Protein backbone atom coordinates (compact mmCIF):
# COMPACT_ATOMS: atom_id res chain seq x y z
CA MET A 1 -6.45 15.02 2.90
CA VAL A 2 -6.89 13.04 0.05
CA LEU A 3 -3.74 11.28 -1.35
CA ASN A 4 -4.01 11.02 -5.12
CA ARG A 5 -1.99 8.50 -6.95
CA LEU A 6 1.29 9.97 -7.49
CA GLN A 7 1.18 12.13 -4.45
CA ALA A 8 0.43 8.96 -2.12
CA LEU A 9 3.50 7.32 -3.34
CA ALA A 10 5.91 9.83 -1.82
CA ILE A 11 3.60 10.51 1.28
CA GLY A 12 2.39 6.99 1.49
CA LEU A 13 5.74 5.59 2.12
CA ALA A 14 5.55 6.99 5.65
CA LEU A 15 2.06 6.16 5.85
CA ALA A 16 2.18 2.67 4.95
CA GLY A 17 -0.05 2.99 2.10
CA LEU A 18 2.38 3.72 -0.66
CA GLY A 19 1.65 3.52 -4.33
CA LEU A 20 -1.15 4.99 -6.39
CA ALA A 21 -2.14 4.62 -10.28
CA ALA A 22 -4.56 3.31 -12.46
CA CYS A 23 -3.87 0.19 -14.32
CA THR A 24 -2.50 -0.46 -17.67
CA THR A 25 -1.19 -3.53 -19.60
CA ALA A 26 2.39 -2.06 -20.08
CA THR A 27 5.13 -3.41 -17.84
CA PRO A 28 7.30 -1.16 -15.82
CA THR A 29 10.72 -0.77 -17.15
CA THR A 30 12.52 1.96 -15.19
CA THR A 31 12.28 4.17 -12.17
CA PRO A 32 11.29 3.06 -8.53
CA SER A 33 9.09 3.91 -5.30
CA PRO A 34 6.47 2.28 -2.65
CA MET A 35 3.80 2.32 -0.06
CA ALA A 36 2.11 -0.46 1.83
CA THR A 37 0.84 -2.09 5.10
CA SER A 38 -0.68 -5.30 6.18
CA VAL A 39 -1.06 -6.35 9.61
CA ALA A 40 1.37 -4.88 11.91
CA GLN A 41 4.24 -3.07 11.13
CA THR A 42 7.60 -3.37 13.14
CA ALA A 43 10.96 -2.33 12.70
CA SER A 44 11.07 -4.27 9.65
CA SER A 45 8.05 -2.46 8.39
CA THR A 46 5.43 -5.21 8.61
CA PRO A 47 2.00 -4.30 9.95
CA THR A 48 0.00 -6.16 12.86
CA VAL A 49 -3.55 -6.62 12.79
CA THR A 50 -6.10 -5.61 15.40
CA PRO A 51 -9.06 -4.96 13.40
CA THR A 52 -12.64 -4.72 14.42
CA PRO A 53 -14.87 -7.41 13.62
CA SER A 54 -16.28 -7.20 10.22
CA PRO A 55 -19.40 -8.94 8.89
CA SER A 56 -18.99 -12.34 7.08
CA LEU A 57 -17.21 -11.88 3.76
CA ASP A 58 -17.78 -14.07 0.64
CA ALA A 59 -15.02 -15.76 -1.16
CA ASP A 60 -14.23 -12.95 -3.61
CA GLN A 61 -14.45 -10.24 -0.68
CA THR A 62 -11.92 -12.48 1.31
CA ALA A 63 -9.78 -12.84 -1.63
CA ALA A 64 -9.76 -9.18 -2.48
CA LEU A 65 -8.99 -8.10 1.18
CA ALA A 66 -6.05 -10.49 1.41
CA ALA A 67 -4.40 -9.17 -1.67
CA ALA A 68 -4.86 -5.65 -0.36
CA GLU A 69 -3.08 -6.64 2.72
CA SER A 70 -0.45 -8.53 0.94
CA TYR A 71 0.41 -5.54 -1.33
CA GLU A 72 0.67 -3.19 1.91
CA ALA A 73 2.97 -5.79 3.47
CA ALA A 74 5.32 -5.98 0.42
CA LEU A 75 5.39 -2.16 0.37
CA ALA A 76 6.23 -2.18 4.20
CA LYS A 77 9.14 -4.41 3.29
CA VAL A 78 10.50 -1.81 0.72
CA ARG A 79 10.03 1.14 2.99
CA ALA A 80 11.90 -0.70 5.94
CA ASP A 81 15.11 -1.17 3.68
CA PRO A 82 14.71 0.67 0.12
CA ALA A 83 18.36 -0.13 -0.65
CA LYS A 84 17.50 -3.80 -0.65
CA TYR A 85 14.92 -3.39 -3.49
CA ASP A 86 15.95 -2.18 -6.86
CA GLN A 87 13.48 -1.57 -9.58
CA TYR A 88 13.86 -5.22 -10.73
CA LYS A 89 13.40 -6.63 -7.31
CA MET A 90 10.40 -4.37 -6.63
CA ILE A 91 8.83 -5.51 -9.88
CA ASP A 92 9.25 -9.21 -9.00
CA LEU A 93 7.64 -8.53 -5.49
CA LEU A 94 4.62 -6.40 -6.58
CA LYS A 95 3.87 -7.89 -10.03
CA PRO A 96 1.57 -10.70 -8.52
CA LEU A 97 -0.16 -8.00 -6.46
CA ALA A 98 -0.75 -4.75 -8.50
CA TYR A 99 -1.50 -3.71 -12.08
CA ASP A 100 1.41 -2.13 -14.06
CA ASP A 101 0.52 1.63 -13.42
CA MET A 102 0.39 1.01 -9.60
CA ILE A 103 3.91 -0.83 -9.73
CA GLN A 104 5.38 2.12 -11.85
CA ALA A 105 4.05 4.63 -9.31
CA ASN A 106 5.51 2.85 -6.46
CA LEU A 107 8.97 2.64 -8.35
CA ASN A 108 8.83 6.48 -8.88
CA GLY A 109 7.87 6.96 -5.42
CA ILE A 110 10.52 5.01 -3.54
CA ARG A 111 13.54 6.55 -5.47
CA THR A 112 13.80 9.48 -3.29
CA TRP A 113 13.83 7.35 -0.24
CA ARG A 114 16.70 5.09 -1.72
CA ASP A 115 18.60 8.28 -2.95
CA LYS A 116 18.52 9.74 0.35
CA GLY A 117 19.00 6.86 2.63
CA TRP A 118 15.82 6.87 4.25
CA HIS A 119 13.83 3.96 5.65
CA GLU A 120 10.81 3.41 8.00
CA GLU A 121 11.02 2.12 11.57
CA GLY A 122 8.53 1.55 14.04
CA SER A 123 5.04 -0.09 14.26
CA GLN A 124 1.59 0.28 12.47
CA ILE A 125 -1.69 -1.54 13.67
CA ILE A 126 -4.47 -2.06 11.22
CA LEU A 127 -7.70 -1.23 13.28
CA GLN A 128 -10.55 -1.70 10.63
CA ARG A 129 -10.63 -3.43 7.42
CA ASP A 130 -13.71 -4.32 5.10
CA ALA A 131 -14.53 -5.24 1.64
CA GLY A 132 -17.34 -4.08 -0.35
CA GLN A 133 -19.65 -6.17 -2.69
CA PRO A 134 -18.20 -7.67 -5.70
CA ASN A 135 -18.95 -6.07 -9.06
CA SER A 136 -18.74 -7.84 -12.60
CA MET A 137 -17.70 -5.55 -15.08
CA SER A 138 -18.79 -5.91 -19.13
CA ASN A 139 -15.30 -7.17 -19.63
CA GLY A 140 -15.53 -10.06 -17.25
CA THR A 141 -13.44 -8.36 -14.53
CA THR A 142 -14.62 -8.61 -10.88
CA LYS A 143 -14.19 -5.47 -8.97
CA VAL A 144 -14.20 -5.19 -5.15
CA SER A 145 -13.59 -2.16 -3.13
CA VAL A 146 -11.39 -2.69 0.12
CA THR A 147 -10.91 -0.34 2.98
CA ILE A 148 -8.05 -0.72 5.58
CA CYS A 149 -7.70 1.97 8.23
CA LYS A 150 -4.54 2.08 10.38
CA ASP A 151 -2.94 3.77 13.37
CA GLN A 152 0.48 5.06 12.50
CA ARG A 153 1.68 7.12 15.29
CA ALA A 154 4.29 4.75 16.02
CA LEU A 155 5.92 4.93 12.53
CA VAL A 156 8.83 7.17 11.86
CA VAL A 157 11.02 7.65 8.84
CA VAL A 158 14.80 8.08 9.59
CA ASP A 159 17.78 8.75 7.56
CA LYS A 160 21.08 6.71 7.25
CA ASN A 161 22.49 8.28 10.61
CA GLY A 162 18.94 7.22 12.46
CA GLU A 163 17.74 10.90 12.55
CA LYS A 164 13.93 11.50 12.02
CA VAL A 165 13.27 12.84 8.65
CA THR A 166 11.03 16.05 8.74
CA ALA A 167 10.87 16.34 4.94
CA LYS A 168 7.25 16.48 3.64
CA ALA A 169 7.84 13.66 1.31
CA ALA A 170 8.15 11.32 4.45
CA GLN A 171 5.48 12.72 6.58
CA GLY A 172 2.30 10.64 7.26
CA PRO A 173 -1.05 11.16 9.27
CA ASP A 174 -1.59 9.53 12.84
CA PHE A 175 -4.63 7.61 11.25
CA LEU A 176 -4.89 6.83 7.53
CA LYS A 177 -7.72 5.08 5.71
CA ASN A 178 -6.75 3.63 2.42
CA THR A 179 -9.24 2.66 -0.17
CA TYR A 180 -8.20 -0.15 -2.69
CA ASP A 181 -9.78 -0.65 -5.95
CA MET A 182 -9.14 -4.32 -6.35
CA ARG A 183 -9.65 -6.23 -9.60
CA ARG A 184 -9.50 -9.68 -10.94
CA SER A 185 -9.32 -9.99 -14.91
CA LYS A 186 -11.39 -12.67 -16.56
CA GLY A 187 -9.49 -15.89 -16.57
CA SER A 188 -7.24 -14.75 -13.59
CA GLU A 189 -7.52 -16.43 -10.14
CA SER A 190 -6.02 -13.50 -8.19
CA PHE A 191 -7.24 -9.97 -7.42
CA LYS A 192 -4.47 -7.13 -8.02
CA VAL A 193 -4.56 -3.39 -6.90
CA TYR A 194 -5.77 -1.53 -9.88
CA GLU A 195 -6.07 1.88 -7.96
CA PHE A 196 -5.39 3.47 -4.39
CA GLY A 197 -6.53 6.41 -2.63
CA GLY A 198 -5.82 7.58 1.14
CA ASP A 199 -7.54 9.74 3.41
CA GLU A 200 -6.16 11.40 6.87
CA VAL A 201 -9.00 10.55 9.51
CA GLU A 202 -9.33 11.44 13.05
CA GLY A 203 -9.30 7.80 14.15
CA CYS A 204 -10.48 4.33 12.53
CA ILE A 205 -14.20 3.91 13.58
CA SER A 206 -16.14 0.56 12.68
């Protein structure tokens, strides 16, 4: 099952991989929603990493991977307490980590959670992570593909009464492999999430 940009937002919240969309230069204005993970999600929706060893990475690969994990961790915070993050706080949180279309998609995706009083509880473990070879684009942008695979069996989305939410928008697979298109614009020092995709997998295998 492939999660396309806007679909993944609603589904990804529960997956810890919220947020999908290509980048633009427009800055989000209204509407909210998320998705993320990083290293080991606990009740506060922050992930824990137990990844398989990966080959040595160069500076660009390391920076792109770190940026993707920071993005996942930020979205995990939002999913753990959507009421705490209105659209302006979400923009402030995600602006250093993602391009505008991605931010807008997350803003849109989290709206249902906030309106219905949902939040995420439990833990998520990163089992595998890797970064592809950097590519230099004609406009001076550096592009790196990052893959993060997670065990989400201990994650659950609950309502304001603490009851498990069974709605489709809150369901996620046991194992999720996210692929991030990370880009660093010419003249910038940091990589950001340009695009995102997710696949339900049988398990995370190195």
